[in-house]
Every structure is written in structure tokens, then in C-alpha cells.
All heavy atoms as atom14 arrays in JSON, in Angstrom:
{
  "sequence": "THRINYADKSITENTRVSYPLHYIDNALEPSIGSLP",
  "atom14_mask": [
    [1, 1, 1, 1, 1, 1, 1, 0, 0, 0, 0, 0, 0, 0],
    [1, 1, 1, 1, 1, 1, 1, 1, 1, 1, 0, 0, 0, 0],
    [1, 1, 1, 1, 1, 1, 1, 1, 1, 1, 1, 0, 0, 0],
    [1, 1, 1, 1, 1, 1, 1, 1, 0, 0, 0, 0, 0, 0],
    [1, 1, 1, 1, 1, 1, 1, 1, 0, 0, 0, 0, 0, 0],
    [1, 1, 1, 1, 1, 1, 1, 1, 1, 1, 1, 1, 0, 0],
    [1, 1, 1, 1, 1, 0, 0, 0, 0, 0, 0, 0, 0, 0],
    [1, 1, 1, 1, 1, 1, 1, 1, 0, 0, 0, 0, 0, 0],
    [1, 1, 1, 1, 1, 1, 1, 1, 1, 0, 0, 0, 0, 0],
    [1, 1, 1, 1, 1, 1, 0, 0, 0, 0, 0, 0, 0, 0],
    [1, 1, 1, 1, 1, 1, 1, 1, 0, 0, 0, 0, 0, 0],
    [1, 1, 1, 1, 1, 1, 1, 0, 0, 0, 0, 0, 0, 0],
    [1, 1, 1, 1, 1, 1, 1, 1, 1, 0, 0, 0, 0, 0],
    [1, 1, 1, 1, 1, 1, 1, 1, 0, 0, 0, 0, 0, 0],
    [1, 1, 1, 1, 1, 1, 1, 0, 0, 0, 0, 0, 0, 0],
    [1, 1, 1, 1, 1, 1, 1, 1, 1, 1, 1, 0, 0, 0],
    [1, 1, 1, 1, 1, 1, 1, 0, 0, 0, 0, 0, 0, 0],
    [1, 1, 1, 1, 1, 1, 0, 0, 0, 0, 0, 0, 0, 0],
    [1, 1, 1, 1, 1, 1, 1, 1, 1, 1, 1, 1, 0, 0],
    [1, 1, 1, 1, 1, 1, 1, 0, 0, 0, 0, 0, 0, 0],
    [1, 1, 1, 1, 1, 1, 1, 1, 0, 0, 0, 0, 0, 0],
    [1, 1, 1, 1, 1, 1, 1, 1, 1, 1, 0, 0, 0, 0],
    [1, 1, 1, 1, 1, 1, 1, 1, 1, 1, 1, 1, 0, 0],
    [1, 1, 1, 1, 1, 1, 1, 1, 0, 0, 0, 0, 0, 0],
    [1, 1, 1, 1, 1, 1, 1, 1, 0, 0, 0, 0, 0, 0],
    [1, 1, 1, 1, 1, 1, 1, 1, 0, 0, 0, 0, 0, 0],
    [1, 1, 1, 1, 1, 0, 0, 0, 0, 0, 0, 0, 0, 0],
    [1, 1, 1, 1, 1, 1, 1, 1, 0, 0, 0, 0, 0, 0],
    [1, 1, 1, 1, 1, 1, 1, 1, 1, 0, 0, 0, 0, 0],
    [1, 1, 1, 1, 1, 1, 1, 0, 0, 0, 0, 0, 0, 0],
    [1, 1, 1, 1, 1, 1, 0, 0, 0, 0, 0, 0, 0, 0],
    [1, 1, 1, 1, 1, 1, 1, 1, 0, 0, 0, 0, 0, 0],
    [1, 1, 1, 1, 0, 0, 0, 0, 0, 0, 0, 0, 0, 0],
    [1, 1, 1, 1, 1, 1, 0, 0, 0, 0, 0, 0, 0, 0],
    [1, 1, 1, 1, 1, 1, 1, 1, 0, 0, 0, 0, 0, 0],
    [1, 1, 1, 1, 1, 1, 1, 0, 0, 0, 0, 0, 0, 0]
  ],
  "atom14_positions": [
    [[103.12, 118.21, 81.3], [103.47, 117.54, 82.51], [104.91, 117.07, 82.54], [105.59, 117.15, 81.5], [102.57, 116.31, 82.91], [102.94, 115.22, 82.07], [101.12, 116.64, 82.65], [0.0, 0.0, 0.0], [0.0, 0.0, 0.0], [0.0, 0.0, 0.0], [0.0, 0.0, 0.0], [0.0, 0.0, 0.0], [0.0, 0.0, 0.0], [0.0, 0.0, 0.0]],
    [[105.38, 116.55, 83.65], [106.64, 115.8, 83.7], [106.42, 114.28, 84.02], [107.33, 113.69, 84.53], [107.63, 116.48, 84.71], [108.19, 117.79, 84.2], [109.34, 117.82, 83.49], [107.75, 119.06, 84.3], [109.58, 119.06, 83.17], [108.65, 119.85, 83.63], [0.0, 0.0, 0.0], [0.0, 0.0, 0.0], [0.0, 0.0, 0.0], [0.0, 0.0, 0.0]],
    [[105.28, 113.87, 83.64], [104.94, 112.46, 83.78], [105.29, 111.76, 82.55], [104.85, 112.11, 81.53], [103.46, 112.3, 84.13], [103.03, 110.86, 84.43], [101.68, 110.8, 85.19], [100.62, 111.32, 84.47], [99.79, 110.61, 83.68], [99.91, 109.27, 83.57], [98.76, 111.19, 83.0], [0.0, 0.0, 0.0], [0.0, 0.0, 0.0], [0.0, 0.0, 0.0]],
    [[106.13, 110.63, 82.61], [106.57, 109.96, 81.47], [105.53, 109.18, 80.81], [104.72, 108.44, 81.46], [107.75, 108.98, 81.87], [108.93, 109.74, 82.46], [108.17, 108.17, 80.65], [109.99, 108.88, 83.12], [0.0, 0.0, 0.0], [0.0, 0.0, 0.0], [0.0, 0.0, 0.0], [0.0, 0.0, 0.0], [0.0, 0.0, 0.0], [0.0, 0.0, 0.0]],
    [[105.43, 109.28, 79.45], [104.46, 108.61, 78.66], [105.21, 107.36, 78.09], [105.88, 107.43, 77.07], [103.93, 109.47, 77.53], [102.95, 108.74, 76.6], [102.61, 107.54, 76.87], [102.59, 109.36, 75.52], [0.0, 0.0, 0.0], [0.0, 0.0, 0.0], [0.0, 0.0, 0.0], [0.0, 0.0, 0.0], [0.0, 0.0, 0.0], [0.0, 0.0, 0.0]],
    [[105.04, 106.24, 78.82], [105.71, 105.02, 78.38], [105.28, 104.43, 77.04], [105.97, 103.57, 76.44], [105.67, 103.91, 79.48], [106.35, 104.37, 80.77], [105.64, 104.66, 81.95], [107.77, 104.55, 80.76], [106.27, 105.05, 83.05], [108.42, 105.02, 81.94], [107.67, 105.19, 83.07], [108.32, 105.57, 84.23], [0.0, 0.0, 0.0], [0.0, 0.0, 0.0]],
    [[104.12, 104.91, 76.5], [103.61, 104.45, 75.27], [104.21, 105.27, 74.06], [103.97, 104.88, 72.93], [102.11, 104.52, 75.25], [0.0, 0.0, 0.0], [0.0, 0.0, 0.0], [0.0, 0.0, 0.0], [0.0, 0.0, 0.0], [0.0, 0.0, 0.0], [0.0, 0.0, 0.0], [0.0, 0.0, 0.0], [0.0, 0.0, 0.0], [0.0, 0.0, 0.0]],
    [[104.97, 106.34, 74.37], [105.48, 107.19, 73.37], [106.58, 106.56, 72.59], [107.63, 106.25, 73.11], [105.9, 108.46, 73.99], [106.44, 109.55, 73.02], [106.42, 109.25, 71.83], [106.71, 110.66, 73.43], [0.0, 0.0, 0.0], [0.0, 0.0, 0.0], [0.0, 0.0, 0.0], [0.0, 0.0, 0.0], [0.0, 0.0, 0.0], [0.0, 0.0, 0.0]],
    [[106.36, 106.29, 71.28], [107.37, 105.68, 70.42], [107.89, 106.68, 69.41], [108.49, 106.25, 68.42], [106.78, 104.46, 69.72], [106.16, 103.47, 70.59], [105.52, 102.33, 69.8], [104.81, 101.3, 70.76], [104.08, 100.25, 70.01], [0.0, 0.0, 0.0], [0.0, 0.0, 0.0], [0.0, 0.0, 0.0], [0.0, 0.0, 0.0], [0.0, 0.0, 0.0]],
    [[107.63, 107.92, 69.61], [107.98, 108.97, 68.6], [109.51, 109.1, 68.37], [109.94, 109.42, 67.26], [107.42, 110.32, 69.03], [107.96, 110.76, 70.29], [0.0, 0.0, 0.0], [0.0, 0.0, 0.0], [0.0, 0.0, 0.0], [0.0, 0.0, 0.0], [0.0, 0.0, 0.0], [0.0, 0.0, 0.0], [0.0, 0.0, 0.0], [0.0, 0.0, 0.0]],
    [[110.25, 108.77, 69.39], [111.77, 108.81, 69.2], [112.23, 107.42, 68.79], [112.98, 107.2, 67.85], [112.51, 109.29, 70.46], [112.03, 110.66, 70.88], [113.97, 109.19, 70.34], [112.55, 111.17, 72.2], [0.0, 0.0, 0.0], [0.0, 0.0, 0.0], [0.0, 0.0, 0.0], [0.0, 0.0, 0.0], [0.0, 0.0, 0.0], [0.0, 0.0, 0.0]],
    [[111.78, 106.42, 69.51], [112.24, 105.02, 69.23], [111.35, 104.04, 70.0], [110.7, 104.49, 71.03], [113.7, 104.83, 69.65], [114.06, 103.47, 69.46], [113.93, 105.07, 71.16], [0.0, 0.0, 0.0], [0.0, 0.0, 0.0], [0.0, 0.0, 0.0], [0.0, 0.0, 0.0], [0.0, 0.0, 0.0], [0.0, 0.0, 0.0], [0.0, 0.0, 0.0]],
    [[111.25, 102.81, 69.63], [110.68, 101.76, 70.44], [111.6, 101.28, 71.5], [111.18, 100.64, 72.46], [110.23, 100.63, 69.59], [108.93, 100.96, 68.75], [108.15, 99.69, 68.34], [108.43, 98.61, 68.94], [107.34, 99.74, 67.46], [0.0, 0.0, 0.0], [0.0, 0.0, 0.0], [0.0, 0.0, 0.0], [0.0, 0.0, 0.0], [0.0, 0.0, 0.0]],
    [[112.9, 101.56, 71.3], [113.97, 101.04, 72.26], [114.21, 102.08, 73.46], [115.26, 102.51, 73.66], [115.21, 100.83, 71.45], [116.29, 100.12, 72.33], [115.95, 99.3, 73.12], [117.55, 100.55, 72.21], [0.0, 0.0, 0.0], [0.0, 0.0, 0.0], [0.0, 0.0, 0.0], [0.0, 0.0, 0.0], [0.0, 0.0, 0.0], [0.0, 0.0, 0.0]],
    [[113.09, 102.41, 74.03], [113.19, 103.36, 75.23], [113.69, 102.5, 76.36], [113.36, 101.37, 76.56], [111.86, 103.93, 75.57], [110.88, 102.91, 75.76], [111.41, 104.92, 74.41], [0.0, 0.0, 0.0], [0.0, 0.0, 0.0], [0.0, 0.0, 0.0], [0.0, 0.0, 0.0], [0.0, 0.0, 0.0], [0.0, 0.0, 0.0], [0.0, 0.0, 0.0]],
    [[114.58, 103.17, 77.2], [115.27, 102.34, 78.18], [115.45, 103.19, 79.51], [115.35, 104.43, 79.49], [116.71, 102.1, 77.71], [116.85, 101.15, 76.53], [116.94, 99.77, 76.92], [117.07, 98.82, 75.78], [117.27, 97.57, 75.91], [117.45, 96.99, 77.12], [117.31, 96.77, 74.88], [0.0, 0.0, 0.0], [0.0, 0.0, 0.0], [0.0, 0.0, 0.0]],
    [[115.71, 102.4, 80.56], [116.03, 103.04, 81.87], [117.14, 102.25, 82.53], [117.21, 101.09, 82.48], [114.83, 103.09, 82.83], [114.3, 101.72, 83.16], [115.21, 103.85, 84.13], [0.0, 0.0, 0.0], [0.0, 0.0, 0.0], [0.0, 0.0, 0.0], [0.0, 0.0, 0.0], [0.0, 0.0, 0.0], [0.0, 0.0, 0.0], [0.0, 0.0, 0.0]],
    [[118.12, 103.03, 83.07], [119.17, 102.39, 83.85], [118.99, 102.82, 85.36], [118.67, 103.89, 85.61], [120.52, 102.73, 83.38], [120.86, 104.09, 83.53], [0.0, 0.0, 0.0], [0.0, 0.0, 0.0], [0.0, 0.0, 0.0], [0.0, 0.0, 0.0], [0.0, 0.0, 0.0], [0.0, 0.0, 0.0], [0.0, 0.0, 0.0], [0.0, 0.0, 0.0]],
    [[119.21, 101.8, 86.24], [119.13, 102.13, 87.67], [120.0, 101.15, 88.41], [120.2, 100.0, 87.88], [117.67, 102.08, 88.13], [116.88, 100.83, 87.75], [116.99, 99.69, 88.47], [116.07, 100.9, 86.62], [116.26, 98.52, 88.08], [115.34, 99.78, 86.25], [115.45, 98.62, 86.92], [114.79, 97.51, 86.6], [0.0, 0.0, 0.0], [0.0, 0.0, 0.0]],
    [[120.45, 101.44, 89.61], [121.27, 100.49, 90.38], [120.44, 99.28, 90.75], [119.2, 99.37, 90.95], [121.68, 101.31, 91.58], [121.49, 102.7, 91.29], [120.33, 102.72, 90.28], [0.0, 0.0, 0.0], [0.0, 0.0, 0.0], [0.0, 0.0, 0.0], [0.0, 0.0, 0.0], [0.0, 0.0, 0.0], [0.0, 0.0, 0.0], [0.0, 0.0, 0.0]],
    [[121.07, 98.14, 90.95], [120.4, 96.88, 91.27], [119.61, 97.02, 92.59], [118.6, 96.37, 92.73], [121.42, 95.75, 91.35], [120.84, 94.31, 91.37], [120.11, 94.0, 90.1], [121.96, 93.31, 91.55], [0.0, 0.0, 0.0], [0.0, 0.0, 0.0], [0.0, 0.0, 0.0], [0.0, 0.0, 0.0], [0.0, 0.0, 0.0], [0.0, 0.0, 0.0]],
    [[120.15, 97.83, 93.53], [119.43, 97.87, 94.77], [118.13, 98.64, 94.7], [117.33, 98.7, 95.71], [120.32, 98.47, 95.88], [120.77, 99.9, 95.64], [122.04, 100.18, 95.21], [120.13, 101.09, 95.73], [122.15, 101.5, 95.01], [120.99, 102.03, 95.29], [0.0, 0.0, 0.0], [0.0, 0.0, 0.0], [0.0, 0.0, 0.0], [0.0, 0.0, 0.0]],
    [[117.81, 99.19, 93.59], [116.45, 99.82, 93.36], [115.35, 98.73, 93.34], [114.18, 99.0, 93.49], [116.39, 100.65, 92.08], [116.93, 102.07, 92.28], [117.85, 102.37, 93.27], [116.48, 103.09, 91.45], [118.3, 103.72, 93.43], [116.91, 104.39, 91.66], [117.8, 104.73, 92.58], [118.24, 106.06, 92.72], [0.0, 0.0, 0.0], [0.0, 0.0, 0.0]],
    [[115.81, 97.47, 93.04], [114.88, 96.33, 93.06], [114.86, 95.83, 94.48], [115.92, 95.41, 94.99], [115.29, 95.21, 92.07], [115.32, 95.82, 90.67], [114.38, 94.04, 92.19], [114.01, 96.19, 90.13], [0.0, 0.0, 0.0], [0.0, 0.0, 0.0], [0.0, 0.0, 0.0], [0.0, 0.0, 0.0], [0.0, 0.0, 0.0], [0.0, 0.0, 0.0]],
    [[113.7, 95.83, 95.15], [113.67, 95.54, 96.56], [114.02, 94.17, 96.96], [114.48, 93.91, 98.07], [112.24, 95.93, 97.17], [111.13, 95.2, 96.49], [111.46, 94.22, 95.74], [109.99, 95.63, 96.66], [0.0, 0.0, 0.0], [0.0, 0.0, 0.0], [0.0, 0.0, 0.0], [0.0, 0.0, 0.0], [0.0, 0.0, 0.0], [0.0, 0.0, 0.0]],
    [[113.96, 93.21, 96.03], [114.36, 91.83, 96.38], [115.66, 91.41, 95.68], [115.82, 90.19, 95.4], [113.19, 90.84, 96.1], [112.9, 90.66, 94.64], [113.2, 91.61, 93.84], [112.39, 89.5, 94.27], [0.0, 0.0, 0.0], [0.0, 0.0, 0.0], [0.0, 0.0, 0.0], [0.0, 0.0, 0.0], [0.0, 0.0, 0.0], [0.0, 0.0, 0.0]],
    [[116.47, 92.33, 95.39], [117.79, 92.06, 94.77], [118.69, 91.34, 95.75], [118.75, 91.68, 96.91], [118.49, 93.32, 94.2], [0.0, 0.0, 0.0], [0.0, 0.0, 0.0], [0.0, 0.0, 0.0], [0.0, 0.0, 0.0], [0.0, 0.0, 0.0], [0.0, 0.0, 0.0], [0.0, 0.0, 0.0], [0.0, 0.0, 0.0], [0.0, 0.0, 0.0]],
    [[119.4, 90.33, 95.24], [120.39, 89.61, 96.1], [121.69, 90.35, 96.03], [122.19, 90.66, 95.08], [120.56, 88.23, 95.44], [121.49, 87.19, 96.28], [120.74, 86.88, 97.62], [121.67, 85.93, 95.42], [0.0, 0.0, 0.0], [0.0, 0.0, 0.0], [0.0, 0.0, 0.0], [0.0, 0.0, 0.0], [0.0, 0.0, 0.0], [0.0, 0.0, 0.0]],
    [[122.17, 90.69, 97.29], [123.46, 91.34, 97.43], [124.36, 90.64, 98.38], [123.94, 90.37, 99.51], [123.26, 92.76, 97.82], [122.58, 93.64, 96.72], [122.67, 95.16, 97.02], [123.69, 95.61, 97.55], [121.77, 95.84, 96.68], [0.0, 0.0, 0.0], [0.0, 0.0, 0.0], [0.0, 0.0, 0.0], [0.0, 0.0, 0.0], [0.0, 0.0, 0.0]],
    [[125.67, 90.32, 98.02], [126.21, 90.49, 96.67], [125.47, 89.6, 95.67], [124.88, 88.5, 96.04], [127.64, 90.1, 96.77], [127.63, 89.22, 98.02], [126.61, 89.71, 98.9], [0.0, 0.0, 0.0], [0.0, 0.0, 0.0], [0.0, 0.0, 0.0], [0.0, 0.0, 0.0], [0.0, 0.0, 0.0], [0.0, 0.0, 0.0], [0.0, 0.0, 0.0]],
    [[125.52, 89.96, 94.39], [124.7, 89.24, 93.41], [125.4, 88.04, 92.9], [125.87, 87.98, 91.72], [124.27, 90.17, 92.26], [125.37, 91.03, 91.83], [0.0, 0.0, 0.0], [0.0, 0.0, 0.0], [0.0, 0.0, 0.0], [0.0, 0.0, 0.0], [0.0, 0.0, 0.0], [0.0, 0.0, 0.0], [0.0, 0.0, 0.0], [0.0, 0.0, 0.0]],
    [[125.55, 87.06, 93.82], [126.2, 85.76, 93.54], [125.23, 84.62, 93.95], [124.8, 84.66, 95.13], [127.51, 85.62, 94.22], [128.42, 86.81, 93.9], [128.19, 84.33, 93.96], [129.7, 86.83, 94.75], [0.0, 0.0, 0.0], [0.0, 0.0, 0.0], [0.0, 0.0, 0.0], [0.0, 0.0, 0.0], [0.0, 0.0, 0.0], [0.0, 0.0, 0.0]],
    [[124.9, 83.7, 93.08], [124.04, 82.64, 93.39], [124.76, 81.34, 93.3], [125.84, 81.18, 92.92], [0.0, 0.0, 0.0], [0.0, 0.0, 0.0], [0.0, 0.0, 0.0], [0.0, 0.0, 0.0], [0.0, 0.0, 0.0], [0.0, 0.0, 0.0], [0.0, 0.0, 0.0], [0.0, 0.0, 0.0], [0.0, 0.0, 0.0], [0.0, 0.0, 0.0]],
    [[123.97, 80.28, 93.73], [124.49, 78.91, 93.73], [124.52, 78.4, 92.24], [124.06, 79.04, 91.34], [123.65, 78.02, 94.59], [122.28, 78.1, 94.17], [0.0, 0.0, 0.0], [0.0, 0.0, 0.0], [0.0, 0.0, 0.0], [0.0, 0.0, 0.0], [0.0, 0.0, 0.0], [0.0, 0.0, 0.0], [0.0, 0.0, 0.0], [0.0, 0.0, 0.0]],
    [[124.9, 77.11, 92.03], [124.87, 76.52, 90.81], [123.41, 76.33, 90.35], [122.52, 76.11, 91.1], [125.53, 75.11, 90.81], [127.01, 75.1, 91.04], [127.5, 73.75, 91.5], [127.75, 75.58, 89.8], [0.0, 0.0, 0.0], [0.0, 0.0, 0.0], [0.0, 0.0, 0.0], [0.0, 0.0, 0.0], [0.0, 0.0, 0.0], [0.0, 0.0, 0.0]],
    [[123.12, 76.6, 89.05], [121.74, 76.54, 88.59], [121.16, 75.16, 88.7], [121.78, 74.16, 88.47], [121.9, 76.88, 87.1], [123.2, 77.59, 86.97], [124.09, 76.96, 87.95], [0.0, 0.0, 0.0], [0.0, 0.0, 0.0], [0.0, 0.0, 0.0], [0.0, 0.0, 0.0], [0.0, 0.0, 0.0], [0.0, 0.0, 0.0], [0.0, 0.0, 0.0]]
  ]
}
């Protein structure tokens, strides 16, 4: 298949994904917040 096996550690445990911030539906844009 072409379905990702997220449990697969055969290459590394440090499996990663990069994606633009706007892929998160509740991302704040521009990504600037108030004082903590």
C-alpha cells in the first residue's frame, strides 16, 4: 500500500513531517501573540 505505517521504526524512531503552519486549522496568522 501507500498508507504510512507510523509505528514503523525500522529506519529510525525520529520519524518526522514538515508542513506549513496553515495546515493546522486553528493556527494564528500572523503568528504573533500577546505577552505570556
